[in-house]
């Protein structure tokens, strides 16, 4: 499955009602990371690894976007990615 297809599937599931469950969220996150790593391998880049805190931050934001019917980097509460990552307890020095 291509990266674009996986991202589209994740967005569709969040927006249109994939049954919410930790198992489903984990499968979607694993598929997204796998798709990224296939593209990274083509460019001779190291693979990404999953991090539960980062996955949680991404899923909270995806659900927020779906609930508000908009795709944006800014959360409905005005938050940015770094703030959402910090809320999940992930320690980092920079976020892009």
Protein backbone atom coordinates (compact mmCIF):
# COMPACT_ATOMS: atom_id res chain seq x y z
CA UNK A 1 0.00 0.00 0.00
CA UNK A 2 1.43 3.41 -0.92
CA UNK A 3 2.02 6.19 1.59
CA UNK A 4 -0.67 8.35 -0.02
CA UNK A 5 -3.17 5.49 0.09
CA UNK A 6 -2.39 4.75 3.74
CA UNK A 7 -2.71 8.42 4.74
CA UNK A 8 -5.97 8.69 2.84
CA UNK A 9 -7.29 5.54 4.49
CA UNK A 10 -6.38 6.83 7.94
CA UNK A 11 -8.10 10.17 7.30
CA UNK A 12 -11.19 8.46 5.84
CA UNK A 13 -11.49 6.06 8.77
CA UNK A 14 -11.24 8.86 11.30
CA UNK A 15 -13.65 11.13 9.42
CA UNK A 16 -16.27 8.59 8.38
CA UNK A 17 -16.53 6.16 11.18
CA UNK A 18 -14.04 3.38 11.44
CA UNK A 19 -15.02 1.78 14.72
CA UNK A 20 -12.95 3.51 17.39
CA UNK A 21 -10.75 1.02 19.16
CA UNK A 22 -7.18 0.82 20.35
CA UNK A 23 -6.69 -2.24 18.13
CA UNK A 24 -7.89 -0.39 15.01
CA UNK A 25 -5.83 2.70 15.87
CA UNK A 26 -2.72 0.54 16.31
CA UNK A 27 -3.27 -1.19 12.96
CA UNK A 28 -3.68 2.13 11.16
CA UNK A 29 -0.59 3.58 12.85
CA UNK A 30 1.45 0.50 11.95
CA UNK A 31 0.30 0.70 8.31
CA UNK A 32 1.22 4.38 8.15
CA UNK A 33 4.70 3.79 9.59
CA UNK A 34 5.21 0.82 7.24
CA UNK A 35 4.27 2.94 4.23
CA UNK A 36 6.66 5.71 5.32
CA UNK A 37 9.47 3.19 5.82
CA UNK A 38 9.00 1.73 2.34
CA UNK A 39 9.49 5.21 0.88
CA UNK A 40 12.43 5.91 3.21
CA UNK A 41 14.11 2.64 2.16
CA UNK A 42 13.92 3.72 -1.49
CA UNK A 43 15.88 6.85 -0.50
CA UNK A 44 18.37 4.89 1.66
CA UNK A 45 17.08 6.55 4.82
CA UNK A 46 16.78 4.80 8.19
CA UNK A 47 13.41 3.41 9.22
CA UNK A 48 11.04 5.14 11.58
CA UNK A 49 9.97 3.32 14.72
CA UNK A 50 6.62 3.63 16.46
CA UNK A 51 6.26 5.68 19.62
CA UNK A 52 3.03 5.33 21.55
CA UNK A 53 3.05 8.94 22.77
CA UNK A 54 3.52 10.34 19.27
CA UNK A 55 0.85 8.01 17.91
CA UNK A 56 -1.52 9.20 20.64
CA UNK A 57 -0.84 12.86 19.77
CA UNK A 58 -1.48 12.18 16.08
CA UNK A 59 -4.71 10.27 16.72
CA UNK A 60 -6.09 12.93 19.06
CA UNK A 61 -5.41 15.56 16.40
CA UNK A 62 -6.88 13.43 13.58
CA UNK A 63 -10.07 12.89 15.58
CA UNK A 64 -10.23 16.60 16.42
CA UNK A 65 -9.95 17.50 12.74
CA UNK A 66 -12.65 14.97 11.84
CA UNK A 67 -15.01 16.27 14.53
CA UNK A 68 -14.58 19.84 13.27
CA UNK A 69 -14.61 18.97 9.55
CA UNK A 70 -11.30 20.56 8.68
CA UNK A 71 -7.75 19.48 7.83
CA UNK A 72 -5.21 21.83 9.40
CA UNK A 73 -2.00 21.81 11.39
CA UNK A 74 -3.68 23.96 14.07
CA UNK A 75 -5.91 22.22 16.60
CA UNK A 76 -9.44 23.44 17.24
CA UNK A 77 -8.11 24.83 20.54
CA UNK A 78 -5.36 26.77 18.73
CA UNK A 79 -2.67 24.21 19.60
CA UNK A 80 0.28 23.41 17.38
CA UNK A 81 1.99 20.04 16.89
CA UNK A 82 4.63 20.64 19.58
CA UNK A 83 1.95 21.48 22.17
CA UNK A 84 -0.05 18.35 21.31
CA UNK A 85 3.10 16.21 21.54
CA UNK A 86 3.95 17.70 24.96
CA UNK A 87 0.42 16.96 26.22
CA UNK A 88 1.12 13.27 25.65
CA UNK A 89 4.28 13.46 27.78
CA UNK A 90 6.78 13.05 24.93
CA UNK A 91 10.17 14.67 25.63
CA UNK A 92 11.84 16.35 22.65
CA UNK A 93 14.05 19.30 21.77
CA UNK A 94 12.50 20.28 18.41
CA UNK A 95 9.45 19.37 16.39
CA UNK A 96 8.76 20.22 12.77
